[in-house]
Amino acid sequence: MQQKIIVAFGAVLSVASAAAAAGDAIKVPSTVPYADANGVAGNVKRECPINQQLSDYIIEYAQEHHVATESVPATDAQTPGRVLVIEITDAVSRGNPFIGHRKSTSVRGTLYQDGAKVAAFRGERDSMGGAFAGFKGSCSVLGRTVKALGSDIATWLAKPVDDAQLGDLE
């Protein structure tokens, strides 16, 4: 009888822990907005889905760091709970497959807990396209930069430090 009570109590604790963990999930915007004063060319915004990719990569890599996330339409500092407010400040797309790619993406973000700032970061990643760059389009190479930033940000979310410099800013 005592063993059944302990098992039942353990199951209740597991359910309670899971519910608490779900409530602690960091809200991440499903599409990372561009900063108001951004330097991103119009053709990049129209043709390259880096703002959606960045959100997807943050969520994907956060799972690897055992950081619970939740995709939401938008975030701001006043959103209840744990919230990542992030924006793309710049995306540079110079070069091409023939003369060489020179791409970079810059971001800034702040983690909030119930409206109070926890920590903030700035990040940037550069890419020349990697292996077989001559066979890659500009959006593909920019996608490499946001993939790396997604990993950087997820690592930071696991242990946020204020005024962190991520990626190629380190």
Protein backbone atom coordinates (compact mmCIF):
# COMPACT_ATOMS: atom_id res chain seq x y z
CA MET A 1 0.00 0.00 0.00
CA GLN A 2 2.75 2.43 0.95
CA GLN A 3 4.59 1.71 -2.32
CA LYS A 4 1.46 2.55 -4.37
CA ILE A 5 1.08 5.87 -2.55
CA ILE A 6 4.71 6.76 -3.23
CA VAL A 7 4.34 5.88 -6.92
CA ALA A 8 1.11 7.90 -7.16
CA PHE A 9 2.74 10.85 -5.36
CA GLY A 10 5.71 10.64 -7.77
CA ALA A 11 3.34 10.72 -10.74
CA VAL A 12 1.61 13.82 -9.33
CA LEU A 13 4.99 15.52 -8.89
CA SER A 14 5.96 14.64 -12.46
CA VAL A 15 2.75 16.14 -13.82
CA ALA A 16 3.19 19.25 -11.67
CA SER A 17 6.81 19.63 -12.81
CA ALA A 18 5.80 19.28 -16.46
CA ALA A 19 3.09 21.92 -16.03
CA ALA A 20 5.53 24.27 -14.33
CA ALA A 21 8.09 23.74 -17.07
CA ALA A 22 5.51 24.52 -19.76
CA GLY A 23 4.62 27.75 -17.93
CA ASP A 24 8.30 28.70 -17.84
CA ALA A 25 8.74 28.36 -21.60
CA ILE A 26 10.43 31.36 -23.17
CA LYS A 27 8.13 33.05 -25.66
CA VAL A 28 9.90 33.60 -29.00
CA PRO A 29 8.34 35.59 -31.86
CA SER A 30 7.42 33.30 -34.77
CA THR A 31 8.81 35.93 -37.13
CA VAL A 32 11.69 38.05 -35.84
CA PRO A 33 10.93 41.66 -36.75
CA TYR A 34 13.35 44.02 -38.42
CA ALA A 35 14.43 46.95 -36.23
CA ASP A 36 12.81 50.28 -37.08
CA ALA A 37 16.15 51.78 -38.07
CA ASN A 38 17.51 48.73 -39.88
CA GLY A 39 19.98 48.62 -42.74
CA VAL A 40 18.41 45.68 -44.53
CA ALA A 41 17.96 46.08 -48.27
CA GLY A 42 14.42 45.73 -49.58
CA ASN A 43 15.28 42.81 -51.85
CA VAL A 44 16.65 40.83 -48.89
CA LYS A 45 13.42 41.45 -46.93
CA ARG A 46 11.29 40.45 -49.91
CA GLU A 47 13.27 37.44 -51.11
CA CYS A 48 14.99 35.87 -48.08
CA PRO A 49 12.92 34.50 -45.17
CA ILE A 50 15.72 35.08 -42.63
CA ASN A 51 13.33 36.55 -40.06
CA GLN A 52 11.27 33.34 -39.99
CA GLN A 53 14.33 31.11 -40.20
CA LEU A 54 15.96 32.83 -37.23
CA SER A 55 12.94 32.12 -35.04
CA ASP A 56 12.85 28.49 -36.17
CA TYR A 57 16.57 28.01 -35.46
CA ILE A 58 16.35 29.59 -31.99
CA ILE A 59 13.54 27.18 -31.09
CA GLU A 60 15.31 24.18 -32.68
CA TYR A 61 18.63 24.79 -30.92
CA ALA A 62 16.95 25.71 -27.61
CA GLN A 63 15.63 22.13 -27.48
CA GLU A 64 19.21 20.85 -27.67
CA HIS A 65 20.04 22.99 -24.62
CA HIS A 66 16.91 21.79 -22.78
CA VAL A 67 15.46 25.29 -22.86
CA ALA A 68 11.67 25.28 -23.24
CA THR A 69 10.40 27.74 -25.83
CA GLU A 70 7.02 28.68 -27.23
CA SER A 71 6.47 30.30 -30.61
CA VAL A 72 4.09 33.26 -30.39
CA PRO A 73 3.00 35.79 -33.03
CA ALA A 74 4.89 38.70 -31.42
CA THR A 75 6.65 39.65 -28.20
CA ASP A 76 7.26 42.80 -26.23
CA ALA A 77 8.67 43.64 -22.82
CA GLN A 78 5.23 43.63 -21.22
CA THR A 79 4.28 40.13 -22.36
CA PRO A 80 3.74 38.04 -19.19
CA GLY A 81 6.22 35.28 -18.33
CA ARG A 82 9.63 34.73 -19.85
CA VAL A 83 9.90 36.57 -23.15
CA LEU A 84 12.60 37.07 -25.76
CA VAL A 85 12.28 40.42 -27.50
CA ILE A 86 14.55 40.27 -30.52
CA GLU A 87 15.04 42.16 -33.77
CA ILE A 88 17.22 42.03 -36.85
CA THR A 89 19.22 45.25 -37.01
CA ASP A 90 21.08 44.59 -40.24
CA ALA A 91 21.57 42.02 -42.98
CA VAL A 92 24.24 42.60 -45.59
CA SER A 93 24.22 40.73 -48.88
CA ARG A 94 27.27 41.62 -50.95
CA GLY A 95 28.95 39.56 -53.59
CA ASN A 96 27.64 36.58 -55.49
CA PRO A 97 28.65 33.02 -56.36
CA PHE A 98 31.06 34.24 -59.05
CA ILE A 99 33.09 36.85 -57.13
CA GLY A 100 32.44 35.41 -53.67
CA HIS A 101 29.76 35.92 -51.07
CA ARG A 102 30.08 38.47 -48.28
CA LYS A 103 26.98 38.15 -46.12
CA SER A 104 26.21 39.03 -42.52
CA THR A 105 23.24 39.35 -40.19
CA SER A 106 23.14 41.41 -36.98
CA VAL A 107 20.60 41.12 -34.16
CA ARG A 108 19.89 42.43 -30.69
CA GLY A 109 17.67 40.97 -28.06
CA THR A 110 16.55 41.13 -24.46
CA LEU A 111 15.15 38.43 -22.21
CA TYR A 112 12.39 39.61 -19.87
CA GLN A 113 10.68 37.95 -16.92
CA ASP A 114 7.22 39.45 -16.28
CA GLY A 115 8.30 42.83 -17.67
CA ALA A 116 11.65 42.99 -15.86
CA LYS A 117 14.86 42.82 -17.88
CA VAL A 118 16.88 39.68 -17.19
CA ALA A 119 19.71 40.17 -19.70
CA ALA A 120 20.44 41.51 -23.18
CA PHE A 121 22.73 40.61 -26.08
CA ARG A 122 23.94 41.74 -29.46
CA GLY A 123 24.95 39.20 -32.08
CA GLU A 124 26.38 39.03 -35.56
CA ARG A 125 27.39 36.27 -37.92
CA ASP A 126 29.27 36.57 -41.18
CA SER A 127 29.55 34.04 -44.00
CA MET A 128 31.31 33.68 -47.29
CA GLY A 129 29.17 30.66 -48.15
CA GLY A 130 31.29 27.78 -46.91
CA ALA A 131 31.95 24.72 -49.03
CA PHE A 132 30.60 24.94 -52.56
CA ALA A 133 29.78 28.63 -52.09
CA GLY A 134 29.87 29.08 -55.84
CA PHE A 135 26.75 26.93 -56.08
CA LYS A 136 24.77 28.80 -53.40
CA GLY A 137 22.42 31.72 -53.77
CA SER A 138 22.47 34.82 -51.59
CA CYS A 139 19.47 33.77 -49.48
CA SER A 140 21.07 30.41 -48.82
CA VAL A 141 24.24 32.06 -47.52
CA LEU A 142 22.24 34.53 -45.40
CA GLY A 143 20.38 31.48 -44.08
CA ARG A 144 23.73 30.15 -42.82
CA THR A 145 24.21 33.35 -40.79
CA VAL A 146 20.83 33.09 -39.06
CA LYS A 147 21.33 29.38 -38.43
CA ALA A 148 24.55 30.19 -36.57
CA LEU A 149 22.85 33.06 -34.73
CA GLY A 150 19.99 30.74 -33.74
CA SER A 151 22.53 28.43 -32.14
CA ASP A 152 24.32 31.34 -30.44
CA ILE A 153 21.07 32.73 -29.04
CA ALA A 154 19.84 29.32 -27.82
CA THR A 155 23.15 28.80 -26.00
CA TRP A 156 22.77 32.25 -24.43
CA LEU A 157 19.17 31.51 -23.40
CA ALA A 158 20.45 28.51 -21.43
CA LYS A 159 22.67 30.87 -19.37
CA PRO A 160 21.83 34.49 -20.16
CA VAL A 161 24.51 37.07 -19.37
CA ASP A 162 23.75 40.79 -19.65
CA ASP A 163 25.44 42.76 -22.43
CA ALA A 164 26.65 39.57 -24.14
CA GLN A 165 28.36 39.76 -27.52
CA LEU A 166 27.39 36.69 -29.57
CA GLY A 167 28.80 35.08 -32.68
CA ASP A 168 31.39 37.05 -34.59
CA LEU A 169 31.20 39.92 -32.09
CA GLU A 170 32.90 37.77 -29.41
